[in-house]
C-alpha atoms as a PDB file:
ATOM      1  CA  MET A   1      92.215  99.534  91.250  1.00  0.00           C
ATOM      2  CA  LEU A   2      95.650  98.306  90.257  1.00  0.00           C
ATOM      3  CA  PRO A   3      95.755  96.013  87.240  1.00  0.00           C
ATOM      4  CA  ASN A   4      96.988  92.992  89.240  1.00  0.00           C
ATOM      5  CA  VAL A   5      94.204  93.484  91.838  1.00  0.00           C
ATOM      6  CA  LYS A   6      91.611  93.837  89.086  1.00  0.00           C
ATOM      7  CA  ALA A   7      92.928  90.651  87.496  1.00  0.00           C
ATOM      8  CA  LYS A   8      92.441  88.824  90.787  1.00  0.00           C
ATOM      9  CA  PHE A   9      88.783  89.944  90.984  1.00  0.00           C
ATOM     10  CA  ASP A  10      88.295  89.036  87.305  1.00  0.00           C
ATOM     11  CA  VAL A  11      89.204  85.374  87.918  1.00  0.00           C
ATOM     12  CA  TYR A  12      86.586  84.866  90.609  1.00  0.00           C
ATOM     13  CA  PRO A  13      83.471  83.029  89.368  1.00  0.00           C
ATOM     14  CA  GLU A  14      80.679  85.473  88.500  1.00  0.00           C
ATOM     15  CA  GLY A  15      78.567  84.969  91.671  1.00  0.00           C
ATOM     16  CA  VAL A  16      81.650  85.178  93.862  1.00  0.00           C
ATOM     17  CA  ARG A  17      83.043  88.248  92.066  1.00  0.00           C
ATOM     18  CA  SER A  18      80.032  90.414  92.952  1.00  0.00           C
ATOM     19  CA  ILE A  19      80.273  89.434  96.630  1.00  0.00           C
ATOM     20  CA  MET A  20      84.051  90.075  96.724  1.00  0.00           C
ATOM     21  CA  LEU A  21      83.624  93.449  95.053  1.00  0.00           C
ATOM     22  CA  ALA A  22      80.933  94.319  97.597  1.00  0.00           C
ATOM     23  CA  MET A  23      83.316  93.363 100.435  1.00  0.00           C
ATOM     24  CA  ARG A  24      86.035  95.488  98.820  1.00  0.00           C
ATOM     25  CA  GLN A  25      83.623  98.421  98.794  1.00  0.00           C
ATOM     26  CA  LEU A  26      82.711  97.786 102.427  1.00  0.00           C
ATOM     27  CA  ILE A  27      86.402  97.998 103.401  1.00  0.00           C
ATOM     28  CA  LEU A  28      86.877 101.213 101.445  1.00  0.00           C
ATOM     29  CA  SER A  29      83.711 102.689 102.928  1.00  0.00           C
ATOM     30  CA  VAL A  30      84.775 101.907 106.497  1.00  0.00           C
ATOM     31  CA  ALA A  31      88.081 103.700 105.891  1.00  0.00           C
ATOM     32  CA  GLU A  32      86.322 106.713 104.402  1.00  0.00           C
ATOM     33  CA  GLU A  33      83.565 106.931 107.021  1.00  0.00           C
ATOM     34  CA  ASN A  34      86.158 106.817 109.823  1.00  0.00           C
ATOM     35  CA  GLU A  35      88.459 109.303 108.039  1.00  0.00           C
ATOM     36  CA  LEU A  36      91.366 106.886 108.227  1.00  0.00           C
ATOM     37  CA  GLY A  37      93.196 108.297 105.218  1.00  0.00           C
ATOM     38  CA  ALA A  38      94.348 106.720 102.003  1.00  0.00           C
ATOM     39  CA  VAL A  39      93.840 102.986 101.604  1.00  0.00           C
ATOM     40  CA  GLU A  40      96.741 101.073 100.044  1.00  0.00           C
ATOM     41  CA  GLU A  41      95.215  98.378  97.876  1.00  0.00           C
ATOM     42  CA  THR A  42      97.568  95.588  96.731  1.00  0.00           C
ATOM     43  CA  LEU A  43      97.924  91.844  96.533  1.00  0.00           C
ATOM     44  CA  LYS A  44      99.565  90.037  99.441  1.00  0.00           C
ATOM     45  CA  TRP A  45      99.937  86.270  99.233  1.00  0.00           C
ATOM     46  CA  GLY A  46      97.803  86.513  96.087  1.00  0.00           C
ATOM     47  CA  GLU A  47      94.902  88.043  98.021  1.00  0.00           C
ATOM     48  CA  PRO A  48      93.460  91.552  97.766  1.00  0.00           C
ATOM     49  CA  SER A  49      94.880  93.467 100.727  1.00  0.00           C
ATOM     50  CA  TYR A  50      93.870  96.802 102.239  1.00  0.00           C
ATOM     51  CA  LEU A  51      95.938  98.890 104.634  1.00  0.00           C
ATOM     52  CA  VAL A  52      95.735 102.351 106.075  1.00  0.00           C
ATOM     53  CA  LYS A  53      98.505 104.136 107.993  1.00  0.00           C
ATOM     54  CA  GLY A  54      98.392 103.023 111.626  1.00  0.00           C
ATOM     55  CA  GLY A  55      96.330  99.965 110.863  1.00  0.00           C
ATOM     56  CA  SER A  56      96.781  96.260 110.260  1.00  0.00           C
ATOM     57  CA  ALA A  57      96.137  94.847 106.802  1.00  0.00           C
ATOM     58  CA  VAL A  58      92.751  93.350 105.967  1.00  0.00           C
ATOM     59  CA  ARG A  59      92.829  90.726 103.204  1.00  0.00           C
ATOM     60  CA  ILE A  60      89.870  89.062 101.493  1.00  0.00           C
ATOM     61  CA  ASP A  61      89.696  85.990  99.309  1.00  0.00           C
ATOM     62  CA  TRP A  62      87.644  83.075  97.994  1.00  0.00           C
ATOM     63  CA  LYS A  63      89.342  79.767  97.289  1.00  0.00           C
ATOM     64  CA  PRO A  64      88.091  76.981  94.989  1.00  0.00           C
ATOM     65  CA  LYS A  65      88.885  74.330  97.639  1.00  0.00           C
ATOM     66  CA  SER A  66      86.142  75.876  99.850  1.00  0.00           C
ATOM     67  CA  PRO A  67      83.662  77.000  97.215  1.00  0.00           C
ATOM     68  CA  ASP A  68      80.840  77.942  99.579  1.00  0.00           C
ATOM     69  CA  GLN A  69      82.815  80.394 101.706  1.00  0.00           C
ATOM     70  CA  TYR A  70      85.049  83.423 101.581  1.00  0.00           C
ATOM     71  CA  CYS A  71      87.260  84.908 104.235  1.00  0.00           C
ATOM     72  CA  PHE A  72      88.540  88.110 105.749  1.00  0.00           C
ATOM     73  CA  TYR A  73      92.151  87.514 106.789  1.00  0.00           C
ATOM     74  CA  PHE A  74      94.064  89.378 109.493  1.00  0.00           C
ATOM     75  CA  ASN A  75      97.597  89.338 110.903  1.00  0.00           C
ATOM     76  CA  CYS A  76      97.733  86.120 112.910  1.00  0.00           C
ATOM     77  CA  LYS A  77     100.230  87.657 115.350  1.00  0.00           C
ATOM     78  CA  SER A  78      97.809  90.412 116.305  1.00  0.00           C
ATOM     79  CA  LYS A  79      94.979  90.345 118.880  1.00  0.00           C
ATOM     80  CA  LEU A  80      92.418  91.026 116.144  1.00  0.00           C
ATOM     81  CA  VAL A  81      90.743  87.650 115.624  1.00  0.00           C
ATOM     82  CA  ASP A  82      90.794  86.876 119.349  1.00  0.00           C
ATOM     83  CA  THR A  83      89.014  90.200 119.921  1.00  0.00           C
ATOM     84  CA  PHE A  84      86.483  89.501 117.147  1.00  0.00           C
ATOM     85  CA  ARG A  85      85.803  86.105 118.694  1.00  0.00           C
ATOM     86  CA  GLU A  86      85.183  87.714 122.067  1.00  0.00           C
ATOM     87  CA  LEU A  87      82.825  90.304 120.535  1.00  0.00           C
ATOM     88  CA  TYR A  88      81.066  88.279 117.821  1.00  0.00           C
ATOM     89  CA  SER A  89      81.384  84.520 118.472  1.00  0.00           C
ATOM     90  CA  ASP A  90      77.595  84.336 117.947  1.00  0.00           C
ATOM     91  CA  LYS A  91      77.812  86.086 114.560  1.00  0.00           C
ATOM     92  CA  PHE A  92      80.901  84.639 112.826  1.00  0.00           C
ATOM     93  CA  LYS A  93      82.872  81.451 112.283  1.00  0.00           C
ATOM     94  CA  PHE A  94      86.607  81.793 112.624  1.00  0.00           C
ATOM     95  CA  ASP A  95      89.697  80.044 111.271  1.00  0.00           C
ATOM     96  CA  GLY A  96      92.163  79.984 114.113  1.00  0.00           C
ATOM     97  CA  ASN A  97      93.588  83.411 114.871  1.00  0.00           C
ATOM     98  CA  ARG A  98      93.738  84.492 111.223  1.00  0.00           C
ATOM     99  CA  ALA A  99      90.315  84.724 109.617  1.00  0.00           C
ATOM    100  CA  ILE A 100      86.618  85.422 109.744  1.00  0.00           C
ATOM    101  CA  VAL A 101      84.900  82.774 107.609  1.00  0.00           C
ATOM    102  CA  LEU A 102      81.690  83.784 105.824  1.00  0.00           C
ATOM    103  CA  SER A 103      79.181  81.792 103.794  1.00  0.00           C
ATOM    104  CA  LEU A 104      78.486  82.729 100.194  1.00  0.00           C
ATOM    105  CA  ASN A 105      74.868  81.656 100.745  1.00  0.00           C
ATOM    106  CA  LYS A 106      74.157  83.873 103.722  1.00  0.00           C
ATOM    107  CA  GLU A 107      74.111  87.640 104.112  1.00  0.00           C
ATOM    108  CA  PRO A 108      76.919  88.670 106.487  1.00  0.00           C
ATOM    109  CA  PRO A 109      76.110  90.843 109.498  1.00  0.00           C
ATOM    110  CA  LEU A 110      77.497  93.978 107.865  1.00  0.00           C
ATOM    111  CA  ASN A 111      77.455  96.147 110.998  1.00  0.00           C
ATOM    112  CA  CYS A 112      79.587  93.581 112.897  1.00  0.00           C
ATOM    113  CA  LEU A 113      81.863  93.060 109.933  1.00  0.00           C
ATOM    114  CA  SER A 114      82.318  96.833 109.527  1.00  0.00           C
ATOM    115  CA  HIS A 115      83.262  97.065 113.182  1.00  0.00           C
ATOM    116  CA  CYS A 116      85.925  94.336 112.762  1.00  0.00           C
ATOM    117  CA  ILE A 117      87.337  96.137 109.741  1.00  0.00           C
ATOM    118  CA  GLU A 118      87.429  99.389 111.685  1.00  0.00           C
ATOM    119  CA  LEU A 119      89.250  97.722 114.586  1.00  0.00           C
ATOM    120  CA  ALA A 120      91.859  96.341 112.197  1.00  0.00           C
ATOM    121  CA  MET A 121      92.325  99.713 110.508  1.00  0.00           C
ATOM    122  CA  LYS A 122      92.887 101.365 113.906  1.00  0.00           C
ATOM    123  CA  TYR A 123      94.961  98.540 115.344  1.00  0.00           C
ATOM    124  CA  GLN A 124      98.305 100.282 115.904  1.00  0.00           C
ATOM    125  CA  LYS A 125      96.642 103.051 117.917  1.00  0.00           C
ATOM    126  CA  ASN A 126      94.412 100.769 119.996  1.00  0.00           C
ATOM    127  CA  LYS A 127      96.329  97.485 120.379  1.00  0.00           C
ATOM    128  CA  HIS A 128      97.151  98.233 124.029  1.00  0.00           C
ATOM    129  CA  LEU A 129      93.454  98.752 124.976  1.00  0.00           C
ATOM    130  CA  PRO A 130      91.184  96.021 126.315  1.00  0.00           C
ATOM    131  CA  LEU A 131      89.223  94.571 123.384  1.00  0.00           C
ATOM    132  CA  LEU A 132      91.134  97.047 121.196  1.00  0.00           C
ATOM    133  CA  GLY A 133      88.930  99.854 122.507  1.00  0.00           C
ATOM    134  CA  ALA A 134      85.805  98.241 121.185  1.00  0.00           C
END
């Protein structure tokens, strides 16, 4: 983990930090399990960001102004969040066309979240397919 990314995780409150690190690990695991290649981990807009070649960046963050939630952010000009809404409107809350909003007090549906991460990481290859090939 790059020092600036580690510093970002280090400033999260203790209970939040463990969840955010678990979400980071989920992203890295999805990339590994799907053999998507090296994951570029960096900060974009001050948020931990994860990108594989041929994919669309996945960012995660918690913000003090909404202390009971954290988000997975996606390119708002992509079809990603619209697709996630079509597939998982019963599982997630969304923020417009840019984010999946999760509660700190509730276990996320990891299988659905993993699928969304996978779709983002394969976006360039599948963006022309209905529901991104889901």
